[in-house]
Amino acid sequence: QVQLVESGGGLVEPGESLRLSCAASGFTAHLYAIAWLRQAPGQEREGVSCISRPDDDVTYYADSAKGRFTISRDKANNTVYLQMNGLKTEDTAVYYCAAAPYCSAYVFHGRGMDYWGKGTLVTVSS
């Protein structure tokens, strides 16, 4: 059974950090690009970051994430991480990971995914 399971969300204050994890099972995650997307209440889902398949090993970030978020992959454990530093209230959202053949603008609009996780809630509030 194919699964992507996110974890690591929670309630933090502005300026603090969180590390989200996306654990893949039931498929060979290193054959896919893995993206993190988020959806805030009343807003459309938006791409945050994407890491290409390990043979390319390239990372991509939305402008809102550049300089604050870092995506990485642990191939041995079939897990992709999103380290989020300097969190802002506007980062509050449900964060999803998803698997796609490639990172692309299409992926950053939430399209072209083969698999999705169920999401983890990140709340940034003082």
PDB file of N, CA and C in Angstrom:
ATOM      1  N   GLN A   1       0.843  -1.196   0.000  1.00  0.00           N
ATOM      2  CA  GLN A   1       0.000   0.000   0.000  1.00  0.00           C
ATOM      3  C   GLN A   1       0.873   1.239   0.000  1.00  0.00           C
ATOM      4  N   VAL A   2       0.636   2.125  -0.968  1.00  0.00           N
ATOM      5  CA  VAL A   2       1.409   3.352  -1.071  1.00  0.00           C
ATOM      6  C   VAL A   2       0.968   4.332   0.007  1.00  0.00           C
ATOM      7  N   GLN A   3       1.939   4.851   0.726  1.00  0.00           N
ATOM      8  CA  GLN A   3       1.635   5.848   1.739  1.00  0.00           C
ATOM      9  C   GLN A   3       2.682   6.931   1.785  1.00  0.00           C
ATOM     10  N   LEU A   4       2.226   8.154   1.987  1.00  0.00           N
ATOM     11  CA  LEU A   4       3.082   9.278   2.358  1.00  0.00           C
ATOM     12  C   LEU A   4       2.493   9.806   3.661  1.00  0.00           C
ATOM     13  N   VAL A   5       3.305   9.821   4.707  1.00  0.00           N
ATOM     14  CA  VAL A   5       2.808  10.221   6.011  1.00  0.00           C
ATOM     15  C   VAL A   5       3.627  11.398   6.517  1.00  0.00           C
ATOM     16  N   GLU A   6       2.953  12.526   6.714  1.00  0.00           N
ATOM     17  CA  GLU A   6       3.615  13.708   7.230  1.00  0.00           C
ATOM     18  C   GLU A   6       3.556  13.718   8.757  1.00  0.00           C
ATOM     19  N   SER A   7       4.572  14.310   9.358  1.00  0.00           N
ATOM     20  CA  SER A   7       4.584  14.515  10.807  1.00  0.00           C
ATOM     21  C   SER A   7       5.440  15.723  11.123  1.00  0.00           C
ATOM     22  N   GLY A   8       5.350  16.180  12.371  1.00  0.00           N
ATOM     23  CA  GLY A   8       6.198  17.278  12.827  1.00  0.00           C
ATOM     24  C   GLY A   8       5.507  18.617  12.938  1.00  0.00           C
ATOM     25  N   GLY A   9       4.236  18.687  12.532  1.00  0.00           N
ATOM     26  CA  GLY A   9       3.517  19.943  12.667  1.00  0.00           C
ATOM     27  C   GLY A   9       3.223  20.252  14.125  1.00  0.00           C
ATOM     28  N   GLY A  10       2.759  21.474  14.364  1.00  0.00           N
ATOM     29  CA  GLY A  10       2.429  21.857  15.723  1.00  0.00           C
ATOM     30  C   GLY A  10       2.217  23.349  15.842  1.00  0.00           C
ATOM     31  N   LEU A  11       2.137  23.799  17.083  1.00  0.00           N
ATOM     32  CA  LEU A  11       1.932  25.217  17.380  1.00  0.00           C
ATOM     33  C   LEU A  11       3.246  25.818  17.853  1.00  0.00           C
ATOM     34  N   VAL A  12       3.696  26.847  17.159  1.00  0.00           N
ATOM     35  CA  VAL A  12       4.921  27.538  17.539  1.00  0.00           C
ATOM     36  C   VAL A  12       4.697  29.045  17.491  1.00  0.00           C
ATOM     37  N   GLU A  13       5.597  29.774  18.106  1.00  0.00           N
ATOM     38  CA  GLU A  13       5.536  31.236  18.079  1.00  0.00           C
ATOM     39  C   GLU A  13       6.348  31.768  16.896  1.00  0.00           C
ATOM     40  N   PRO A  14       6.022  32.974  16.463  1.00  0.00           N
ATOM     41  CA  PRO A  14       6.803  33.566  15.358  1.00  0.00           C
ATOM     42  C   PRO A  14       8.295  33.563  15.665  1.00  0.00           C
ATOM     43  N   GLY A  15       9.096  33.242  14.655  1.00  0.00           N
ATOM     44  CA  GLY A  15      10.539  33.190  14.808  1.00  0.00           C
ATOM     45  C   GLY A  15      11.079  31.818  15.162  1.00  0.00           C
ATOM     46  N   GLU A  16      10.210  30.932  15.599  1.00  0.00           N
ATOM     47  CA  GLU A  16      10.659  29.594  15.978  1.00  0.00           C
ATOM     48  C   GLU A  16      10.779  28.683  14.759  1.00  0.00           C
ATOM     49  N   SER A  17      11.182  27.439  15.025  1.00  0.00           N
ATOM     50  CA  SER A  17      11.449  26.484  13.947  1.00  0.00           C
ATOM     51  C   SER A  17      10.634  25.218  14.124  1.00  0.00           C
ATOM     52  N   LEU A  18      10.417  24.532  13.015  1.00  0.00           N
ATOM     53  CA  LEU A  18       9.828  23.197  12.999  1.00  0.00           C
ATOM     54  C   LEU A  18      10.503  22.397  11.900  1.00  0.00           C
ATOM     55  N   ARG A  19      10.566  21.077  12.093  1.00  0.00           N
ATOM     56  CA  ARG A  19      11.011  20.201  11.028  1.00  0.00           C
ATOM     57  C   ARG A  19       9.893  19.226  10.707  1.00  0.00           C
ATOM     58  N   LEU A  20       9.425  19.294   9.491  1.00  0.00           N
ATOM     59  CA  LEU A  20       8.405  18.369   9.030  1.00  0.00           C
ATOM     60  C   LEU A  20       9.067  17.160   8.379  1.00  0.00           C
ATOM     61  N   SER A  21       8.444  16.009   8.549  1.00  0.00           N
ATOM     62  CA  SER A  21       8.931  14.777   7.935  1.00  0.00           C
ATOM     63  C   SER A  21       7.856  14.203   7.021  1.00  0.00           C
ATOM     64  N   CYS A  22       8.300  13.592   5.951  1.00  0.00           N
ATOM     65  CA  CYS A  22       7.406  12.912   5.014  1.00  0.00           C
ATOM     66  C   CYS A  22       7.977  11.512   4.800  1.00  0.00           C
ATOM     67  N   ALA A  23       7.352  10.535   5.417  1.00  0.00           N
ATOM     68  CA  ALA A  23       7.819   9.154   5.331  1.00  0.00           C
ATOM     69  C   ALA A  23       7.060   8.426   4.236  1.00  0.00           C
ATOM     70  N   ALA A  24       7.811   7.840   3.305  1.00  0.00           N
ATOM     71  CA  ALA A  24       7.205   7.146   2.171  1.00  0.00           C
ATOM     72  C   ALA A  24       7.300   5.643   2.370  1.00  0.00           C
ATOM     73  N   SER A  25       6.245   4.954   2.008  1.00  0.00           N
ATOM     74  CA  SER A  25       6.253   3.498   2.059  1.00  0.00           C
ATOM     75  C   SER A  25       5.379   2.964   0.932  1.00  0.00           C
ATOM     76  N   GLY A  26       5.664   1.735   0.551  1.00  0.00           N
ATOM     77  CA  GLY A  26       4.860   1.099  -0.487  1.00  0.00           C
ATOM     78  C   GLY A  26       5.264   1.473  -1.899  1.00  0.00           C
ATOM     79  N   PHE A  27       6.259   2.350  -2.034  1.00  0.00           N
ATOM     80  CA  PHE A  27       6.774   2.659  -3.365  1.00  0.00           C
ATOM     81  C   PHE A  27       8.212   3.140  -3.183  1.00  0.00           C
ATOM     82  N   THR A  28       8.924   3.180  -4.268  1.00  0.00           N
ATOM     83  CA  THR A  28      10.336   3.553  -4.214  1.00  0.00           C
ATOM     84  C   THR A  28      10.446   5.059  -4.340  1.00  0.00           C
ATOM     85  N   ALA A  29      10.529   5.723  -3.176  1.00  0.00           N
ATOM     86  CA  ALA A  29      10.462   7.185  -3.159  1.00  0.00           C
ATOM     87  C   ALA A  29      11.617   7.824  -3.912  1.00  0.00           C
ATOM     88  N   HIS A  30      12.756   7.133  -3.987  1.00  0.00           N
ATOM     89  CA  HIS A  30      13.888   7.789  -4.640  1.00  0.00           C
ATOM     90  C   HIS A  30      13.730   7.823  -6.166  1.00  0.00           C
ATOM     91  N   LEU A  31      12.663   7.227  -6.676  1.00  0.00           N
ATOM     92  CA  LEU A  31      12.379   7.343  -8.103  1.00  0.00           C
ATOM     93  C   LEU A  31      11.488   8.547  -8.397  1.00  0.00           C
ATOM     94  N   TYR A  32      11.129   9.274  -7.358  1.00  0.00           N
ATOM     95  CA  TYR A  32      10.209  10.394  -7.506  1.00  0.00           C
ATOM     96  C   TYR A  32      10.819  11.679  -6.967  1.00  0.00           C
ATOM     97  N   ALA A  33      10.363  12.791  -7.506  1.00  0.00           N
ATOM     98  CA  ALA A  33      10.543  14.067  -6.851  1.00  0.00           C
ATOM     99  C   ALA A  33       9.504  14.166  -5.738  1.00  0.00           C
ATOM    100  N   ILE A  34       9.887  14.787  -4.639  1.00  0.00           N
ATOM    101  CA  ILE A  34       8.978  14.960  -3.516  1.00  0.00           C
ATOM    102  C   ILE A  34       8.798  16.453  -3.266  1.00  0.00           C
ATOM    103  N   ALA A  35       7.564  16.869  -3.182  1.00  0.00           N
ATOM    104  CA  ALA A  35       7.250  18.278  -2.972  1.00  0.00           C
ATOM    105  C   ALA A  35       6.508  18.483  -1.663  1.00  0.00           C
ATOM    106  N   TRP A  36       6.707  19.644  -1.100  1.00  0.00           N
ATOM    107  CA  TRP A  36       5.903  20.109   0.033  1.00  0.00           C
ATOM    108  C   TRP A  36       5.005  21.233  -0.472  1.00  0.00           C
ATOM    109  N   LEU A  37       3.737  21.127  -0.168  1.00  0.00           N
ATOM    110  CA  LEU A  37       2.767  22.156  -0.494  1.00  0.00           C
ATOM    111  C   LEU A  37       2.008  22.497   0.773  1.00  0.00           C
ATOM    112  N   ARG A  38       1.341  23.633   0.774  1.00  0.00           N
ATOM    113  CA  ARG A  38       0.569  24.018   1.944  1.00  0.00           C
ATOM    114  C   ARG A  38      -0.738  24.679   1.519  1.00  0.00           C
ATOM    115  N   GLN A  39      -1.685  24.609   2.426  1.00  0.00           N
ATOM    116  CA  GLN A  39      -2.975  25.239   2.179  1.00  0.00           C
ATOM    117  C   GLN A  39      -3.454  25.909   3.446  1.00  0.00           C
ATOM    118  N   ALA A  40      -3.562  27.223   3.387  1.00  0.00           N
ATOM    119  CA  ALA A  40      -4.077  27.996   4.503  1.00  0.00           C
ATOM    120  C   ALA A  40      -5.592  28.091   4.382  1.00  0.00           C
ATOM    121  N   PRO A  41      -6.284  28.340   5.485  1.00  0.00           N
ATOM    122  CA  PRO A  41      -7.748  28.435   5.428  1.00  0.00           C
ATOM    123  C   PRO A  41      -8.214  29.461   4.412  1.00  0.00           C
ATOM    124  N   GLY A  42      -9.121  29.046   3.552  1.00  0.00           N
ATOM    125  CA  GLY A  42      -9.685  29.955   2.568  1.00  0.00           C
ATOM    126  C   GLY A  42      -8.784  30.276   1.387  1.00  0.00           C
ATOM    127  N   GLN A  43      -7.646  29.608   1.317  1.00  0.00           N
ATOM    128  CA  GLN A  43      -6.710  29.886   0.233  1.00  0.00           C
ATOM    129  C   GLN A  43      -6.441  28.626  -0.582  1.00  0.00           C
ATOM    130  N   GLU A  44      -5.911  28.820  -1.768  1.00  0.00           N
ATOM    131  CA  GLU A  44      -5.566  27.699  -2.618  1.00  0.00           C
ATOM    132  C   GLU A  44      -4.281  27.039  -2.125  1.00  0.00           C
ATOM    133  N   ARG A  45      -4.155  25.768  -2.482  1.00  0.00           N
ATOM    134  CA  ARG A  45      -2.930  25.060  -2.150  1.00  0.00           C
ATOM    135  C   ARG A  45      -1.771  25.644  -2.965  1.00  0.00           C
ATOM    136  N   GLU A  46      -0.619  25.809  -2.320  1.00  0.00           N
ATOM    137  CA  GLU A  46       0.535  26.382  -3.004  1.00  0.00           C
ATOM    138  C   GLU A  46       1.783  25.570  -2.719  1.00  0.00           C
ATOM    139  N   GLY A  47       2.656  25.514  -3.693  1.00  0.00           N
ATOM    140  CA  GLY A  47       3.909  24.806  -3.519  1.00  0.00           C
ATOM    141  C   GLY A  47       4.865  25.596  -2.645  1.00  0.00           C
ATOM    142  N   VAL A  48       5.597  24.872  -1.817  1.00  0.00           N
ATOM    143  CA  VAL A  48       6.579  25.476  -0.920  1.00  0.00           C
ATOM    144  C   VAL A  48       7.990  25.108  -1.356  1.00  0.00           C
ATOM    145  N   SER A  49       8.195  23.824  -1.609  1.00  0.00           N
ATOM    146  CA  SER A  49       9.529  23.350  -1.964  1.00  0.00           C
ATOM    147  C   SER A  49       9.419  22.010  -2.665  1.00  0.00           C
ATOM    148  N   CYS A  50      10.450  21.680  -3.414  1.00  0.00           N
ATOM    149  CA  CYS A  50      10.488  20.402  -4.114  1.00  0.00           C
ATOM    150  C   CYS A  50      11.933  19.939  -4.205  1.00  0.00           C
ATOM    151  N   ILE A  51      12.132  18.628  -4.046  1.00  0.00           N
ATOM    152  CA  ILE A  51      13.457  18.053  -4.225  1.00  0.00           C
ATOM    153  C   ILE A  51      13.351  17.020  -5.332  1.00  0.00           C
ATOM    154  N   SER A  52      14.257  17.107  -6.293  1.00  0.00           N
ATOM    155  CA  SER A  52      14.183  16.223  -7.451  1.00  0.00           C
ATOM    156  C   SER A  52      14.629  14.818  -7.071  1.00  0.00           C
ATOM    157  N   ARG A  53      14.508  13.918  -8.025  1.00  0.00           N
ATOM    158  CA  ARG A  53      15.002  12.570  -7.803  1.00  0.00           C
ATOM    159  C   ARG A  53      16.489  12.614  -7.500  1.00  0.00           C
ATOM    160  N   PRO A  54      16.979  11.673  -6.714  1.00  0.00           N
ATOM    161  CA  PRO A  54      18.384  11.736  -6.284  1.00  0.00           C
ATOM    162  C   PRO A  54      19.393  11.743  -7.427  1.00  0.00           C
ATOM    163  N   ASP A  55      19.029  11.251  -8.607  1.00  0.00           N
ATOM    164  CA  ASP A  55      20.008  11.307  -9.685  1.00  0.00           C
ATOM    165  C   ASP A  55      20.246  12.742 -10.154  1.00  0.00           C
ATOM    166  N   ASP A  56      19.324  13.650  -9.864  1.00  0.00           N
ATOM    167  CA  ASP A  56      19.516  15.071 -10.161  1.00  0.00           C
ATOM    168  C   ASP A  56      19.902  15.840  -8.915  1.00  0.00           C
ATOM    169  N   ASP A  57      19.204  15.547  -7.807  1.00  0.00           N
ATOM    170  CA  ASP A  57      19.515  16.132  -6.502  1.00  0.00           C
ATOM    171  C   ASP A  57      19.486  17.657  -6.539  1.00  0.00           C
ATOM    172  N   VAL A  58      18.403  18.191  -7.048  1.00  0.00           N
ATOM    173  CA  VAL A  58      18.227  19.639  -7.126  1.00  0.00           C
ATOM    174  C   VAL A  58      17.035  20.035  -6.252  1.00  0.00           C
ATOM    175  N   THR A  59      17.154  21.170  -5.586  1.00  0.00           N
ATOM    176  CA  THR A  59      16.071  21.647  -4.724  1.00  0.00           C
ATOM    177  C   THR A  59      15.482  22.944  -5.285  1.00  0.00           C
ATOM    178  N   TYR A  60      14.226  23.130  -5.040  1.00  0.00           N
ATOM    179  CA  TYR A  60      13.500  24.310  -5.521  1.00  0.00           C
ATOM    180  C   TYR A  60      12.663  24.864  -4.372  1.00  0.00           C
ATOM    181  N   TYR A  61      12.518  26.193  -4.353  1.00  0.00           N
ATOM    182  CA  TYR A  61      11.765  26.832  -3.284  1.00  0.00           C
ATOM    183  C   TYR A  61      10.870  27.929  -3.841  1.00  0.00           C
ATOM    184  N   ALA A  62       9.700  28.062  -3.239  1.00  0.00           N
ATOM    185  CA  ALA A  62       8.880  29.231  -3.504  1.00  0.00           C
ATOM    186  C   ALA A  62       9.571  30.453  -2.910  1.00  0.00           C
ATOM    187  N   ASP A  63       9.275  31.621  -3.439  1.00  0.00           N
ATOM    188  CA  ASP A  63       9.906  32.840  -2.929  1.00  0.00           C
ATOM    189  C   ASP A  63       9.646  32.998  -1.431  1.00  0.00           C
ATOM    190  N   SER A  64       8.480  32.587  -0.973  1.00  0.00           N
ATOM    191  CA  SER A  64       8.124  32.732   0.434  1.00  0.00           C
ATOM    192  C   SER A  64       8.980  31.850   1.346  1.00  0.00           C
ATOM    193  N   ALA A  65       9.609  30.817   0.760  1.00  0.00           N
ATOM    194  CA  ALA A  65      10.382  29.865   1.552  1.00  0.00           C
ATOM    195  C   ALA A  65      11.894  30.067   1.440  1.00  0.00           C
ATOM    196  N   LYS A  66      12.324  30.781   0.434  1.00  0.00           N
ATOM    197  CA  LYS A  66      13.762  30.939   0.206  1.00  0.00           C
ATOM    198  C   LYS A  66      14.440  31.607   1.392  1.00  0.00           C
ATOM    199  N   GLY A  67      15.548  31.020   1.798  1.00  0.00           N
ATOM    200  CA  GLY A  67      16.301  31.584   2.900  1.00  0.00           C
ATOM    201  C   GLY A  67      15.822  31.168   4.278  1.00  0.00           C
ATOM    202  N   ARG A  68      14.648  30.575   4.367  1.00  0.00           N
ATOM    203  CA  ARG A  68      14.108  30.154   5.665  1.00  0.00           C
ATOM    204  C   ARG A  68      13.879  28.650   5.740  1.00  0.00           C
ATOM    205  N   PHE A  69      13.485  28.036   4.644  1.00  0.00           N
ATOM    206  CA  PHE A  69      13.151  26.610   4.626  1.00  0.00           C
ATOM    207  C   PHE A  69      14.234  25.843   3.878  1.00  0.00           C
ATOM    208  N   THR A  70      14.458  24.613   4.314  1.00  0.00           N
ATOM    209  CA  THR A  70      15.404  23.727   3.638  1.00  0.00           C
ATOM    210  C   THR A  70      14.780  22.352   3.472  1.00  0.00           C
ATOM    211  N   ILE A  71      14.769  21.859   2.248  1.00  0.00           N
ATOM    212  CA  ILE A  71      14.251  20.522   1.977  1.00  0.00           C
ATOM    213  C   ILE A  71      15.439  19.575   1.829  1.00  0.00           C
ATOM    214  N   SER A  72      15.275  18.359   2.344  1.00  0.00           N
ATOM    215  CA  SER A  72      16.355  17.379   2.244  1.00  0.00           C
ATOM    216  C   SER A  72      15.752  15.985   2.188  1.00  0.00           C
ATOM    217  N   ARG A  73      16.580  15.040   1.754  1.00  0.00           N
ATOM    218  CA  ARG A  73      16.095  13.664   1.587  1.00  0.00           C
ATOM    219  C   ARG A  73      17.039  12.705   2.292  1.00  0.00           C
ATOM    220  N   ASP A  74      16.477  11.785   3.043  1.00  0.00           N
ATOM    221  CA  ASP A  74      17.223  10.676   3.638  1.00  0.00           C
ATOM    222  C   ASP A  74      16.846   9.429   2.850  1.00  0.00           C
ATOM    223  N   LYS A  75      17.688   9.059   1.899  1.00  0.00           N
ATOM    224  CA  LYS A  75      17.355   7.945   1.021  1.00  0.00           C
ATOM    225  C   LYS A  75      17.256   6.627   1.782  1.00  0.00           C
ATOM    226  N   ALA A  76      18.111   6.450   2.760  1.00  0.00           N
ATOM    227  CA  ALA A  76      18.116   5.182   3.503  1.00  0.00           C
ATOM    228  C   ALA A  76      16.785   4.947   4.213  1.00  0.00           C
ATOM    229  N   ASN A  77      16.180   6.034   4.682  1.00  0.00           N
ATOM    230  CA  ASN A  77      14.939   5.909   5.431  1.00  0.00           C
ATOM    231  C   ASN A  77      13.713   6.301   4.619  1.00  0.00           C
ATOM    232  N   ASN A  78      13.890   6.555   3.318  1.00  0.00           N
ATOM    233  CA  ASN A  78      12.752   6.893   2.444  1.00  0.00           C
ATOM    234  C   ASN A  78      11.947   8.062   3.007  1.00  0.00           C
ATOM    235  N   THR A  79      12.668   9.046   3.504  1.00  0.00           N
ATOM    236  CA  THR A  79      12.015  10.179   4.166  1.00  0.00           C
ATOM    237  C   THR A  79      12.547  11.491   3.598  1.00  0.00           C
ATOM    238  N   VAL A  80      11.648  12.445   3.440  1.00  0.00           N
ATOM    239  CA  VAL A  80      12.009  13.802   3.022  1.00  0.00           C
ATOM    240  C   VAL A  80      11.633  14.755   4.147  1.00  0.00           C
ATOM    241  N   TYR A  81      12.506  15.693   4.415  1.00  0.00           N
ATOM    242  CA  TYR A  81      12.300  16.639   5.504  1.00  0.00           C
ATOM    243  C   TYR A  81      12.123  18.053   4.954  1.00  0.00           C
ATOM    244  N   LEU A  82      11.410  18.859   5.729  1.00  0.00           N
ATOM    245  CA  LEU A  82      11.329  20.292   5.464  1.00  0.00           C
ATOM    246  C   LEU A  82      11.657  21.009   6.765  1.00  0.00           C
ATOM    247  N   GLN A  83      12.852  21.560   6.827  1.00  0.00           N
ATOM    248  CA  GLN A  83      13.268  22.341   7.987  1.00  0.00           C
ATOM    249  C   GLN A  83      12.778  23.762   7.787  1.00  0.00           C
ATOM    250  N   MET A  84      11.997  24.251   8.713  1.00  0.00           N
ATOM    251  CA  MET A  84      11.414  25.581   8.600  1.00  0.00           C
ATOM    252  C   MET A  84      11.916  26.435   9.757  1.00  0.00           C
ATOM    253  N   ASN A  85      12.673  27.465   9.424  1.00  0.00           N
ATOM    254  CA  ASN A  85      13.201  28.385  10.413  1.00  0.00           C
ATOM    255  C   ASN A  85      12.563  29.764  10.244  1.00  0.00           C
ATOM    256  N   GLY A  86      12.631  30.550  11.285  1.00  0.00           N
ATOM    257  CA  GLY A  86      12.079  31.899  11.198  1.00  0.00           C
ATOM    258  C   GLY A  86      10.624  31.918  10.798  1.00  0.00           C
ATOM    259  N   LEU A  87       9.826  31.056  11.410  1.00  0.00           N
ATOM    260  CA  LEU A  87       8.430  30.939  11.004  1.00  0.00           C
ATOM    261  C   LEU A  87       7.658  32.232  11.258  1.00  0.00           C
ATOM    262  N   LYS A  88       6.727  32.500  10.356  1.00  0.00           N
ATOM    263  CA  LYS A  88       5.898  33.697  10.424  1.00  0.00           C
ATOM    264  C   LYS A  88       4.428  33.277  10.550  1.00  0.00           C
ATOM    265  N   THR A  89       3.606  34.176  11.000  1.00  0.00           N
ATOM    266  CA  THR A  89       2.182  33.849  11.139  1.00  0.00           C
ATOM    267  C   THR A  89       1.585  33.440   9.793  1.00  0.00           C
ATOM    268  N   GLU A  90       2.087  34.026   8.721  1.00  0.00           N
ATOM    269  CA  GLU A  90       1.555  33.686   7.395  1.00  0.00           C
ATOM    270  C   GLU A  90       1.971  32.300   6.900  1.00  0.00           C
ATOM    271  N   ASP A  91       2.833  31.624   7.650  1.00  0.00           N
ATOM    272  CA  ASP A  91       3.186  30.239   7.329  1.00  0.00           C
ATOM    273  C   ASP A  91       2.155  29.253   7.874  1.00  0.00           C
ATOM    274  N   THR A  92       1.203  29.738   8.634  1.00  0.00           N
ATOM    275  CA  THR A  92       0.172  28.871   9.187  1.00  0.00           C
ATOM    276  C   THR A  92      -0.627  28.220   8.061  1.00  0.00           C
ATOM    277  N   ALA A  93      -0.667  26.876   8.077  1.00  0.00           N
ATOM    278  CA  ALA A  93      -1.338  26.129   7.017  1.00  0.00           C
ATOM    279  C   ALA A  93      -1.260  24.645   7.324  1.00  0.00           C
ATOM    280  N   VAL A  94      -2.010  23.872   6.566  1.00  0.00           N
ATOM    281  CA  VAL A  94      -1.796  22.426   6.531  1.00  0.00           C
ATOM    282  C   VAL A  94      -0.735  22.163   5.471  1.00  0.00           C
ATOM    283  N   TYR A  95       0.287  21.431   5.865  1.00  0.00           N
ATOM    284  CA  TYR A  95       1.397  21.130   4.968  1.00  0.00           C
ATOM    285  C   TYR A  95       1.269  19.688   4.481  1.00  0.00           C
ATOM    286  N   TYR A  96       1.374  19.536   3.168  1.00  0.00           N
ATOM    287  CA  TYR A  96       1.255  18.235   2.525  1.00  0.00           C
ATOM    288  C   TYR A  96       2.555  17.890   1.813  1.00  0.00           C
ATOM    289  N   CYS A  97       2.893  16.607   1.801  1.00  0.00           N
ATOM    290  CA  CYS A  97       3.943  16.175   0.893  1.00  0.00           C
ATOM    291  C   CYS A  97       3.293  15.349  -0.215  1.00  0.00           C
ATOM    292  N   ALA A  98       3.949  15.353  -1.351  1.00  0.00           N
ATOM    293  CA  ALA A  98       3.410  14.668  -2.519  1.00  0.00           C
ATOM    294  C   ALA A  98       4.557  14.199  -3.391  1.00  0.00           C
ATOM    295  N   ALA A  99       4.319  13.130  -4.125  1.00  0.00           N
ATOM    296  CA  ALA A  99       5.323  12.558  -5.013  1.00  0.00           C
ATOM    297  C   ALA A  99       4.927  12.799  -6.460  1.00  0.00           C
ATOM    298  N   ALA A 100       5.890  13.215  -7.255  1.00  0.00           N
ATOM    299  CA  ALA A 100       5.664  13.510  -8.664  1.00  0.00           C
ATOM    300  C   ALA A 100       6.872  13.026  -9.458  1.00  0.00           C
ATOM    301  N   PRO A 101       6.713  12.821 -10.758  1.00  0.00           N
ATOM    302  CA  PRO A 101       7.868  12.389 -11.558  1.00  0.00           C
ATOM    303  C   PRO A 101       9.000  13.419 -11.576  1.00  0.00           C
ATOM    304  N   TYR A 102       8.641  14.707 -11.589  1.00  0.00           N
ATOM    305  CA  TYR A 102       9.641  15.773 -11.650  1.00  0.00           C
ATOM    306  C   TYR A 102       9.171  16.975 -10.843  1.00  0.00           C
ATOM    307  N   CYS A 103      10.115  17.788 -10.415  1.00  0.00           N
ATOM    308  CA  CYS A 103       9.779  19.111  -9.893  1.00  0.00           C
ATOM    309  C   CYS A 103       9.491  20.007 -11.089  1.00  0.00           C
ATOM    310  N   SER A 104       8.484  20.853 -10.976  1.00  0.00           N
ATOM    311  CA  SER A 104       8.136  21.746 -12.075  1.00  0.00           C
ATOM    312  C   SER A 104       7.179  22.811 -11.552  1.00  0.00           C
ATOM    313  N   ALA A 105       6.944  23.812 -12.391  1.00  0.00           N
ATOM    314  CA  ALA A 105       5.956  24.830 -12.016  1.00  0.00           C
ATOM    315  C   ALA A 105       4.586  24.184 -11.827  1.00  0.00           C
ATOM    316  N   TYR A 106       4.305  23.174 -12.625  1.00  0.00           N
ATOM    317  CA  TYR A 106       3.070  22.404 -12.521  1.00  0.00           C
ATOM    318  C   TYR A 106       2.905  21.845 -11.112  1.00  0.00           C
ATOM    319  N   VAL A 107       3.980  21.264 -10.597  1.00  0.00           N
ATOM    320  CA  VAL A 107       3.971  20.685  -9.247  1.00  0.00           C
ATOM    321  C   VAL A 107       3.729  21.766  -8.214  1.00  0.00           C
ATOM    322  N   PHE A 108       4.325  22.921  -8.402  1.00  0.00           N
ATOM    323  CA  PHE A 108       4.147  24.001  -7.436  1.00  0.00           C
ATOM    324  C   PHE A 108       2.720  24.532  -7.429  1.00  0.00           C
ATOM    325  N   HIS A 109       1.950  24.171  -8.446  1.00  0.00           N
ATOM    326  CA  HIS A 109       0.523  24.493  -8.434  1.00  0.00           C
ATOM    327  C   HIS A 109      -0.311  23.295  -8.015  1.00  0.00           C
ATOM    328  N   GLY A 110       0.355  22.266  -7.474  1.00  0.00           N
ATOM    329  CA  GLY A 110      -0.367  21.119  -6.939  1.00  0.00           C
ATOM    330  C   GLY A 110      -0.894  20.160  -7.971  1.00  0.00           C
ATOM    331  N   ARG A 111      -0.305  20.147  -9.153  1.00  0.00           N
ATOM    332  CA  ARG A 111      -0.784  19.279 -10.232  1.00  0.00           C
ATOM    333  C   ARG A 111       0.289  18.269 -10.609  1.00  0.00           C
ATOM    334  N   GLY A 112      -0.155  17.163 -11.204  1.00  0.00           N
ATOM    335  CA  GLY A 112       0.803  16.190 -11.703  1.00  0.00           C
ATOM    336  C   GLY A 112       1.361  15.259 -10.656  1.00  0.00           C
ATOM    337  N   MET A 113       0.725  15.238  -9.468  1.00  0.00           N
ATOM    338  CA  MET A 113       1.218  14.374  -8.405  1.00  0.00           C
ATOM    339  C   MET A 113       0.704  12.952  -8.581  1.00  0.00           C
ATOM    340  N   ASP A 114       1.540  11.988  -8.252  1.00  0.00           N
ATOM    341  CA  ASP A 114       1.106  10.601  -8.257  1.00  0.00           C
ATOM    342  C   ASP A 114       0.561  10.177  -6.894  1.00  0.00           C
ATOM    343  N   TYR A 115       1.162  10.703  -5.837  1.00  0.00           N
ATOM    344  CA  TYR A 115       0.743  10.335  -4.489  1.00  0.00           C
ATOM    345  C   TYR A 115       0.723  11.567  -3.593  1.00  0.00           C
ATOM    346  N   TRP A 116      -0.214  11.556  -2.639  1.00  0.00           N
ATOM    347  CA  TRP A 116      -0.342  12.644  -1.670  1.00  0.00           C
ATOM    348  C   TRP A 116      -0.378  12.088  -0.250  1.00  0.00           C
ATOM    349  N   GLY A 117       0.160  12.853   0.697  1.00  0.00           N
ATOM    350  CA  GLY A 117      -0.065  12.558   2.102  1.00  0.00           C
ATOM    351  C   GLY A 117      -1.329  13.259   2.568  1.00  0.00           C
ATOM    352  N   LYS A 118      -1.684  13.032   3.824  1.00  0.00           N
ATOM    353  CA  LYS A 118      -2.913  13.603   4.367  1.00  0.00           C
ATOM    354  C   LYS A 118      -2.706  14.946   5.045  1.00  0.00           C
ATOM    355  N   GLY A 119      -1.468  15.340   5.243  1.00  0.00           N
ATOM    356  CA  GLY A 119      -1.180  16.663   5.762  1.00  0.00           C
ATOM    357  C   GLY A 119      -0.889  16.711   7.247  1.00  0.00           C
ATOM    358  N   THR A 120      -0.165  17.756   7.636  1.00  0.00           N
ATOM    359  CA  THR A 120       0.114  18.038   9.045  1.00  0.00           C
ATOM    360  C   THR A 120      -0.058  19.534   9.257  1.00  0.00           C
ATOM    361  N   LEU A 121      -0.695  19.902  10.361  1.00  0.00           N
ATOM    362  CA  LEU A 121      -1.037  21.301  10.605  1.00  0.00           C
ATOM    363  C   LEU A 121       0.103  22.036  11.277  1.00  0.00           C
ATOM    364  N   VAL A 122       0.457  23.175  10.706  1.00  0.00           N
ATOM    365  CA  VAL A 122       1.436  24.075  11.300  1.00  0.00           C
ATOM    366  C   VAL A 122       0.717  25.371  11.657  1.00  0.00           C
ATOM    367  N   THR A 123       0.791  25.745  12.932  1.00  0.00           N
ATOM    368  CA  THR A 123       0.178  26.983  13.398  1.00  0.00           C
ATOM    369  C   THR A 123       1.248  27.857  14.011  1.00  0.00           C
ATOM    370  N   VAL A 124       1.388  29.056  13.472  1.00  0.00           N
ATOM    371  CA  VAL A 124       2.367  30.008  13.986  1.00  0.00           C
ATOM    372  C   VAL A 124       1.595  31.170  14.597  1.00  0.00           C
ATOM    373  N   SER A 125       1.691  31.301  15.897  1.00  0.00           N
ATOM    374  CA  SER A 125       0.895  32.308  16.588  1.00  0.00           C
ATOM    375  C   SER A 125       1.562  32.682  17.897  1.00  0.00           C
ATOM    376  N   SER A 126       1.428  33.951  18.253  1.00  0.00           N
ATOM    377  CA  SER A 126       1.935  34.401  19.550  1.00  0.00           C
ATOM    378  C   SER A 126       0.822  34.366  20.589  1.00  0.00           C
TER     379      SER A 126
END
